[in-house]
Amino acid sequence: MSDGMRERSGSETVFSVLKVLMAGYVLWGTSSGIEMPHLAQAVGVTDGALALALDYLIDDGLAEVDGGRRLVRLTSGGARRLLVTGARHPHGGCAVEFRAAAWH
């Protein structure tokens, strides 16, 4: 991360990663994937912060990493959960509910 850049909270990192992975999934489906260094750069976080967010998303079944190529992608099941079964927000729109995060 460059000097002067604000460090993202864990929640911001998770949602930023999800935005990037969802865009890839919508454009390229299950063949989408982004290399970890490029994902960290796109989200603007350190490798360590990215690793924490990915651990959370992988444990929740939303993301997966192709170990050999180190490509990160949204799982098909995760995409269905986010696109189809997103909880309705009481004030309109969709909200995604996650389990309690370890960094809170």
C-alpha atoms as a PDB file:
ATOM      1  CA  MET A   1       0.000   0.000   0.000  1.00  0.00           C
ATOM      2  CA  SER A   2       1.383   3.415  -0.868  1.00  0.00           C
ATOM      3  CA  ASP A   3       2.047   6.132   1.686  1.00  0.00           C
ATOM      4  CA  GLY A   4      -0.920   8.329   2.437  1.00  0.00           C
ATOM      5  CA  MET A   5      -3.449   5.637   1.494  1.00  0.00           C
ATOM      6  CA  ARG A   6      -5.980   4.877   4.206  1.00  0.00           C
ATOM      7  CA  GLU A   7      -5.940   1.300   5.442  1.00  0.00           C
ATOM      8  CA  ARG A   8      -9.253  -0.456   4.796  1.00  0.00           C
ATOM      9  CA  SER A   9     -11.134  -2.192   7.581  1.00  0.00           C
ATOM     10  CA  GLY A  10     -11.678  -5.940   7.318  1.00  0.00           C
ATOM     11  CA  SER A  11     -15.295  -5.418   6.274  1.00  0.00           C
ATOM     12  CA  GLU A  12     -14.337  -2.928   3.563  1.00  0.00           C
ATOM     13  CA  THR A  13     -11.751  -5.353   2.247  1.00  0.00           C
ATOM     14  CA  VAL A  14     -14.227  -8.239   2.118  1.00  0.00           C
ATOM     15  CA  PHE A  15     -16.837  -6.205   0.248  1.00  0.00           C
ATOM     16  CA  SER A  16     -14.247  -4.748  -2.124  1.00  0.00           C
ATOM     17  CA  VAL A  17     -12.976  -8.242  -2.932  1.00  0.00           C
ATOM     18  CA  LEU A  18     -16.557  -9.410  -3.489  1.00  0.00           C
ATOM     19  CA  LYS A  19     -17.190  -6.533  -5.912  1.00  0.00           C
ATOM     20  CA  VAL A  20     -14.176  -7.481  -8.006  1.00  0.00           C
ATOM     21  CA  LEU A  21     -15.032 -11.203  -7.947  1.00  0.00           C
ATOM     22  CA  MET A  22     -18.701 -10.547  -8.789  1.00  0.00           C
ATOM     23  CA  ALA A  23     -17.719  -8.393 -11.768  1.00  0.00           C
ATOM     24  CA  GLY A  24     -15.504 -11.198 -13.050  1.00  0.00           C
ATOM     25  CA  TYR A  25     -18.232 -13.784 -12.500  1.00  0.00           C
ATOM     26  CA  VAL A  26     -20.858 -11.695 -14.300  1.00  0.00           C
ATOM     27  CA  LEU A  27     -18.525 -11.130 -17.264  1.00  0.00           C
ATOM     28  CA  TRP A  28     -16.834 -14.542 -17.549  1.00  0.00           C
ATOM     29  CA  GLY A  29     -18.785 -16.966 -15.354  1.00  0.00           C
ATOM     30  CA  THR A  30     -16.993 -19.882 -13.759  1.00  0.00           C
ATOM     31  CA  SER A  31     -13.936 -19.372 -15.953  1.00  0.00           C
ATOM     32  CA  SER A  32     -13.239 -16.009 -14.309  1.00  0.00           C
ATOM     33  CA  GLY A  33     -10.314 -15.577 -11.990  1.00  0.00           C
ATOM     34  CA  ILE A  34      -7.839 -12.940 -10.893  1.00  0.00           C
ATOM     35  CA  GLU A  35      -4.308 -13.491  -9.653  1.00  0.00           C
ATOM     36  CA  MET A  36      -3.810 -12.668  -5.992  1.00  0.00           C
ATOM     37  CA  PRO A  37      -1.279  -9.843  -6.539  1.00  0.00           C
ATOM     38  CA  HIS A  38      -3.614  -8.197  -9.069  1.00  0.00           C
ATOM     39  CA  LEU A  39      -6.580  -8.572  -6.714  1.00  0.00           C
ATOM     40  CA  ALA A  40      -4.628  -6.952  -3.861  1.00  0.00           C
ATOM     41  CA  GLN A  41      -3.700  -4.097  -6.181  1.00  0.00           C
ATOM     42  CA  ALA A  42      -7.271  -3.689  -7.479  1.00  0.00           C
ATOM     43  CA  VAL A  43      -8.647  -3.548  -3.943  1.00  0.00           C
ATOM     44  CA  GLY A  44      -5.775  -1.423  -2.651  1.00  0.00           C
ATOM     45  CA  VAL A  45      -4.722  -3.651   0.256  1.00  0.00           C
ATOM     46  CA  THR A  46      -1.629  -5.496   1.410  1.00  0.00           C
ATOM     47  CA  ASP A  47      -1.167  -9.204   0.763  1.00  0.00           C
ATOM     48  CA  GLY A  48      -1.812  -9.853   4.464  1.00  0.00           C
ATOM     49  CA  ALA A  49      -5.113  -7.964   4.480  1.00  0.00           C
ATOM     50  CA  LEU A  50      -6.161  -9.784   1.312  1.00  0.00           C
ATOM     51  CA  ALA A  51      -5.288 -13.138   2.878  1.00  0.00           C
ATOM     52  CA  LEU A  52      -7.515 -12.408   5.900  1.00  0.00           C
ATOM     53  CA  ALA A  53     -10.440 -11.418   3.665  1.00  0.00           C
ATOM     54  CA  LEU A  54      -9.966 -14.483   1.447  1.00  0.00           C
ATOM     55  CA  ASP A  55      -9.811 -16.800   4.481  1.00  0.00           C
ATOM     56  CA  TYR A  56     -13.170 -15.418   5.569  1.00  0.00           C
ATOM     57  CA  LEU A  57     -14.746 -15.673   2.093  1.00  0.00           C
ATOM     58  CA  ILE A  58     -13.376 -19.177   1.507  1.00  0.00           C
ATOM     59  CA  ASP A  59     -14.609 -20.366   4.918  1.00  0.00           C
ATOM     60  CA  ASP A  60     -18.035 -18.945   4.049  1.00  0.00           C
ATOM     61  CA  GLY A  61     -18.050 -20.783   0.695  1.00  0.00           C
ATOM     62  CA  LEU A  62     -18.124 -17.609  -1.390  1.00  0.00           C
ATOM     63  CA  ALA A  63     -14.630 -17.682  -2.901  1.00  0.00           C
ATOM     64  CA  GLU A  64     -12.047 -20.242  -3.941  1.00  0.00           C
ATOM     65  CA  VAL A  65      -8.370 -20.169  -4.892  1.00  0.00           C
ATOM     66  CA  ASP A  66      -6.867 -22.255  -7.662  1.00  0.00           C
ATOM     67  CA  GLY A  67      -3.730 -23.238  -5.777  1.00  0.00           C
ATOM     68  CA  GLY A  68      -1.566 -23.990  -8.778  1.00  0.00           C
ATOM     69  CA  ARG A  69      -2.235 -20.734 -10.599  1.00  0.00           C
ATOM     70  CA  ARG A  70      -3.140 -18.683  -7.482  1.00  0.00           C
ATOM     71  CA  LEU A  71      -6.305 -17.450  -9.193  1.00  0.00           C
ATOM     72  CA  VAL A  72      -9.133 -16.237  -6.978  1.00  0.00           C
ATOM     73  CA  ARG A  73     -12.724 -16.587  -8.131  1.00  0.00           C
ATOM     74  CA  LEU A  74     -16.258 -16.526  -6.790  1.00  0.00           C
ATOM     75  CA  THR A  75     -17.694 -20.009  -6.332  1.00  0.00           C
ATOM     76  CA  SER A  76     -20.822 -20.931  -8.277  1.00  0.00           C
ATOM     77  CA  GLY A  77     -22.622 -21.536  -4.992  1.00  0.00           C
ATOM     78  CA  GLY A  78     -21.412 -18.201  -3.674  1.00  0.00           C
ATOM     79  CA  ALA A  79     -22.659 -16.408  -6.773  1.00  0.00           C
ATOM     80  CA  ARG A  80     -26.083 -18.022  -6.390  1.00  0.00           C
ATOM     81  CA  ARG A  81     -26.214 -17.002  -2.719  1.00  0.00           C
ATOM     82  CA  LEU A  82     -25.316 -13.408  -3.537  1.00  0.00           C
ATOM     83  CA  LEU A  83     -27.427 -13.024  -6.684  1.00  0.00           C
ATOM     84  CA  VAL A  84     -30.509 -15.078  -5.933  1.00  0.00           C
ATOM     85  CA  THR A  85     -30.952 -15.424  -2.198  1.00  0.00           C
ATOM     86  CA  GLY A  86     -29.675 -12.069  -0.981  1.00  0.00           C
ATOM     87  CA  ALA A  87     -31.697 -10.942   2.035  1.00  0.00           C
ATOM     88  CA  ARG A  88     -34.055  -8.042   1.462  1.00  0.00           C
ATOM     89  CA  HIS A  89     -32.976  -4.875   3.226  1.00  0.00           C
ATOM     90  CA  PRO A  90     -35.789  -3.344   5.340  1.00  0.00           C
ATOM     91  CA  HIS A  91     -35.435  -0.032   3.445  1.00  0.00           C
ATOM     92  CA  GLY A  92     -35.427  -1.629  -0.022  1.00  0.00           C
ATOM     93  CA  GLY A  93     -32.715  -3.223  -2.113  1.00  0.00           C
ATOM     94  CA  CYS A  94     -30.712  -6.323  -1.229  1.00  0.00           C
ATOM     95  CA  ALA A  95     -28.438  -6.856   1.703  1.00  0.00           C
ATOM     96  CA  VAL A  96     -26.047  -9.748   2.131  1.00  0.00           C
ATOM     97  CA  GLU A  97     -25.850 -11.341   5.551  1.00  0.00           C
ATOM     98  CA  PHE A  98     -22.537 -12.839   6.660  1.00  0.00           C
ATOM     99  CA  ARG A  99     -21.623 -14.730   9.803  1.00  0.00           C
ATOM    100  CA  ALA A 100     -19.917 -12.698  12.544  1.00  0.00           C
ATOM    101  CA  ALA A 101     -16.490 -11.634  11.377  1.00  0.00           C
ATOM    102  CA  ALA A 102     -13.430 -12.411  13.477  1.00  0.00           C
ATOM    103  CA  TRP A 103     -12.000  -8.901  13.101  1.00  0.00           C
ATOM    104  CA  HIS A 104     -14.963  -7.152  14.759  1.00  0.00           C
END
